[in-house]
Amino acid sequence: MASAIHCLSSSCLNIESRFKTLSLNGNSSDHHSKLAPFTSLSFSTNLSHNAFSKGSLTMSTIQRPIRHSVVCEAAPKKKADSAAKRARQAEKRRIYNKSRKSEIKTRMKKVLEALDGLMKKPDPQPEEVRPIEKLIAEAYSVIDKAVKVRTLHRNTGARRKSRLARRKKAVEIHHGWYTPDAAPAATA
């Protein structure tokens, strides 16, 4: 069987001498199988560490009518400068957006817990809603700012604000502080 090592990258030319430790272990009786000689392809630790520590190694077999070839491509893994900058920017935005979303969840949780507490009170006064309305206003502000800088989609922001308003209205209806208007009868 004839095996050859083809380099597709210019960096392979520099490491040609290091391929002496490359071993293709296959049984001579497996010559007729297509990929049998390449089932155990191994490098020494020196070769893989020294030659490919700053790049990637891709090996694949090419089947030709007469022989099998091993194709070696060594390419550096270093990102382009623009890609590295984009990665830095994306990480900065991810952390910023994560803190915004966390603040929204915290504010919503405080409002919902305050409304649940007011709902469970036996004889609350209508004035007890005012501190909760301040919490709701703060939550609205945080949600609107997140929508403005596109941390949240505008529909998501609207849905979350609506959820707070509906819960507040449910508490007011429960205690009789608000009575919804009856739906007008359809005239035909």
Protein backbone atom coordinates (compact mmCIF):
# COMPACT_ATOMS: atom_id res chain seq x y z
CA MET A 1 0.00 0.00 0.00
CA ALA A 2 1.29 3.44 -0.82
CA SER A 3 0.49 6.23 1.63
CA ALA A 4 1.44 9.82 1.06
CA ILE A 5 1.15 12.95 3.15
CA HIS A 6 -0.01 16.02 1.26
CA CYS A 7 0.17 19.45 2.86
CA LEU A 8 -2.46 21.98 1.87
CA SER A 9 -1.05 24.85 3.89
CA SER A 10 2.31 26.56 3.78
CA SER A 11 2.75 25.92 7.50
CA CYS A 12 2.90 22.17 6.80
CA LEU A 13 6.13 22.63 4.87
CA ASN A 14 7.92 23.77 8.02
CA ILE A 15 6.97 20.68 9.99
CA GLU A 16 7.71 18.06 7.36
CA SER A 17 10.62 16.72 9.40
CA ARG A 18 8.38 16.20 12.43
CA PHE A 19 6.21 13.69 10.61
CA LYS A 20 8.83 11.02 11.27
CA THR A 21 6.89 10.18 14.42
CA LEU A 22 3.66 9.73 12.45
CA SER A 23 2.63 6.13 12.53
CA LEU A 24 0.03 4.42 10.40
CA ASN A 25 -0.74 1.16 12.13
CA GLY A 26 -2.76 -1.25 10.07
CA ASN A 27 -2.66 -4.95 9.38
CA SER A 28 -1.27 -5.97 6.04
CA SER A 29 -4.23 -8.33 5.60
CA ASP A 30 -6.61 -5.36 5.50
CA HIS A 31 -5.32 -3.98 2.21
CA HIS A 32 -8.62 -4.65 0.50
CA SER A 33 -10.77 -2.71 2.95
CA LYS A 34 -11.19 0.93 2.07
CA LEU A 35 -10.28 2.67 5.35
CA ALA A 36 -8.80 -0.12 7.42
CA PRO A 37 -5.18 1.11 7.30
CA PHE A 38 -6.30 4.45 8.76
CA THR A 39 -8.20 3.13 11.75
CA SER A 40 -5.33 3.79 14.12
CA LEU A 41 -3.61 6.96 13.10
CA SER A 42 -1.59 8.42 15.95
CA PHE A 43 0.85 11.21 16.63
CA SER A 44 3.42 11.38 19.34
CA THR A 45 2.73 13.89 22.08
CA ASN A 46 5.76 15.94 21.02
CA LEU A 47 4.45 16.38 17.51
CA SER A 48 0.91 17.32 18.45
CA HIS A 49 2.01 19.69 21.20
CA ASN A 50 4.89 21.43 19.45
CA ALA A 51 3.62 21.54 15.89
CA PHE A 52 -0.05 22.19 16.37
CA SER A 53 -0.37 24.10 19.65
CA LYS A 54 -1.32 27.31 17.82
CA GLY A 55 -3.32 25.79 15.01
CA SER A 56 -5.67 23.03 14.06
CA LEU A 57 -4.94 19.74 12.37
CA THR A 58 -7.43 18.24 10.01
CA MET A 59 -6.73 14.82 8.56
CA SER A 60 -8.91 13.03 6.07
CA THR A 61 -8.47 10.13 3.70
CA ILE A 62 -8.74 10.52 -0.05
CA GLN A 63 -9.62 7.38 -1.93
CA ARG A 64 -8.04 6.91 -5.29
CA PRO A 65 -8.25 3.78 -7.42
CA ILE A 66 -4.71 2.67 -6.61
CA ARG A 67 -3.75 4.18 -3.26
CA HIS A 68 -4.95 5.95 -0.13
CA SER A 69 -3.61 9.36 0.80
CA VAL A 70 -3.61 11.21 4.08
CA VAL A 71 -4.34 14.92 3.69
CA CYS A 72 -2.92 17.12 6.41
CA GLU A 73 -4.00 20.72 6.80
CA ALA A 74 -2.49 22.79 9.57
CA ALA A 75 -4.00 26.26 9.94
CA PRO A 76 -3.57 28.81 12.68
CA LYS A 77 -6.53 29.32 15.04
CA LYS A 78 -5.85 33.00 15.61
CA LYS A 79 -8.88 35.14 14.87
CA ALA A 80 -8.64 38.12 12.58
CA ASP A 81 -8.40 41.46 14.35
CA SER A 82 -11.94 42.44 13.35
CA ALA A 83 -13.31 39.12 14.60
CA ALA A 84 -11.50 39.49 17.91
CA LYS A 85 -12.92 43.00 18.32
CA ARG A 86 -16.42 41.73 17.52
CA ALA A 87 -15.99 39.00 20.13
CA ARG A 88 -14.96 41.57 22.74
CA GLN A 89 -17.92 43.80 21.87
CA ALA A 90 -20.34 40.88 21.97
CA GLU A 91 -19.10 39.83 25.42
CA LYS A 92 -19.44 43.39 26.74
CA ARG A 93 -23.00 43.63 25.37
CA ARG A 94 -23.90 40.21 26.77
CA ILE A 95 -22.88 41.23 30.29
CA TYR A 96 -24.65 44.60 29.98
CA ASN A 97 -27.86 42.97 28.68
CA LYS A 98 -27.72 40.29 31.35
CA SER A 99 -27.62 42.91 34.12
CA ARG A 100 -30.51 44.83 32.54
CA LYS A 101 -32.66 41.72 32.28
CA SER A 102 -31.81 40.74 35.82
CA GLU A 103 -32.87 44.17 37.06
CA ILE A 104 -36.18 43.88 35.18
CA LYS A 105 -36.89 40.49 36.73
CA THR A 106 -36.03 41.77 40.21
CA ARG A 107 -38.29 44.83 39.89
CA MET A 108 -41.16 42.77 38.52
CA LYS A 109 -40.78 40.24 41.32
CA LYS A 110 -40.92 42.99 43.94
CA VAL A 111 -44.09 44.44 42.42
CA LEU A 112 -45.79 41.06 42.10
CA GLU A 113 -44.90 40.09 45.68
CA ALA A 114 -46.22 43.42 46.99
CA LEU A 115 -49.46 42.96 45.04
CA ASP A 116 -49.84 39.38 46.32
CA GLY A 117 -49.31 40.63 49.87
CA LEU A 118 -51.96 43.31 49.37
CA MET A 119 -54.34 40.78 47.85
CA LYS A 120 -54.05 38.52 50.93
CA LYS A 121 -54.60 41.33 53.46
CA PRO A 122 -58.03 41.13 55.06
CA ASP A 123 -58.85 44.87 55.27
CA PRO A 124 -56.42 46.94 53.18
CA GLN A 125 -56.97 50.63 52.53
CA PRO A 126 -56.89 52.12 49.01
CA GLU A 127 -53.90 54.27 50.05
CA GLU A 128 -51.80 51.12 50.43
CA VAL A 129 -51.65 50.87 46.64
CA ARG A 130 -49.64 54.08 46.29
CA PRO A 131 -46.24 52.61 47.30
CA ILE A 132 -46.90 49.74 44.92
CA GLU A 133 -47.70 52.23 42.14
CA LYS A 134 -44.26 53.77 42.70
CA LEU A 135 -42.69 50.32 42.37
CA ILE A 136 -44.69 49.78 39.17
CA ALA A 137 -43.50 53.14 37.79
CA GLU A 138 -39.88 52.19 38.51
CA ALA A 139 -40.38 48.82 36.82
CA TYR A 140 -41.96 50.54 33.79
CA SER A 141 -38.97 52.87 33.58
CA VAL A 142 -36.45 50.03 33.63
CA ILE A 143 -38.45 48.08 31.03
CA ASP A 144 -38.72 51.12 28.75
CA LYS A 145 -34.98 51.76 28.98
CA ALA A 146 -34.25 48.14 28.10
CA VAL A 147 -36.54 48.38 25.09
CA LYS A 148 -34.89 51.65 24.05
CA VAL A 149 -31.41 50.11 23.96
CA ARG A 150 -32.84 46.93 22.38
CA THR A 151 -32.05 44.62 25.24
CA LEU A 152 -35.72 43.60 25.10
CA HIS A 153 -37.98 43.47 22.08
CA ARG A 154 -40.72 46.10 22.24
CA ASN A 155 -43.45 43.46 22.34
CA THR A 156 -41.75 41.73 25.27
CA GLY A 157 -41.53 45.03 27.12
CA ALA A 158 -45.20 45.76 26.44
CA ARG A 159 -46.18 42.28 27.60
CA ARG A 160 -44.31 42.64 30.88
CA LYS A 161 -45.78 46.07 31.57
CA SER A 162 -49.23 44.72 30.77
CA ARG A 163 -48.71 41.84 33.18
CA LEU A 164 -48.01 44.28 36.01
CA ALA A 165 -51.00 46.48 35.14
CA ARG A 166 -53.38 43.49 34.94
CA ARG A 167 -52.20 42.18 38.31
CA LYS A 168 -52.71 45.61 39.89
CA LYS A 169 -56.20 45.87 38.40
CA ALA A 170 -57.03 42.36 39.68
CA VAL A 171 -56.09 43.45 43.22
CA GLU A 172 -58.19 46.61 42.92
CA ILE A 173 -61.18 44.63 41.63
CA HIS A 174 -60.73 42.03 44.38
CA HIS A 175 -60.97 44.68 47.11
CA GLY A 176 -63.72 46.65 45.39
CA TRP A 177 -61.65 49.77 44.70
CA TYR A 178 -62.27 49.48 40.98
CA THR A 179 -65.38 48.35 39.18
CA PRO A 180 -65.01 47.66 35.50
CA ASP A 181 -67.61 49.20 33.22
CA ALA A 182 -70.24 46.78 32.00
CA ALA A 183 -69.88 45.94 28.35
CA PRO A 184 -72.40 47.97 26.31
CA ALA A 185 -75.19 45.86 24.85
CA ALA A 186 -75.12 45.50 21.11
CA THR A 187 -77.95 47.35 19.42
CA ALA A 188 -79.39 45.80 16.33
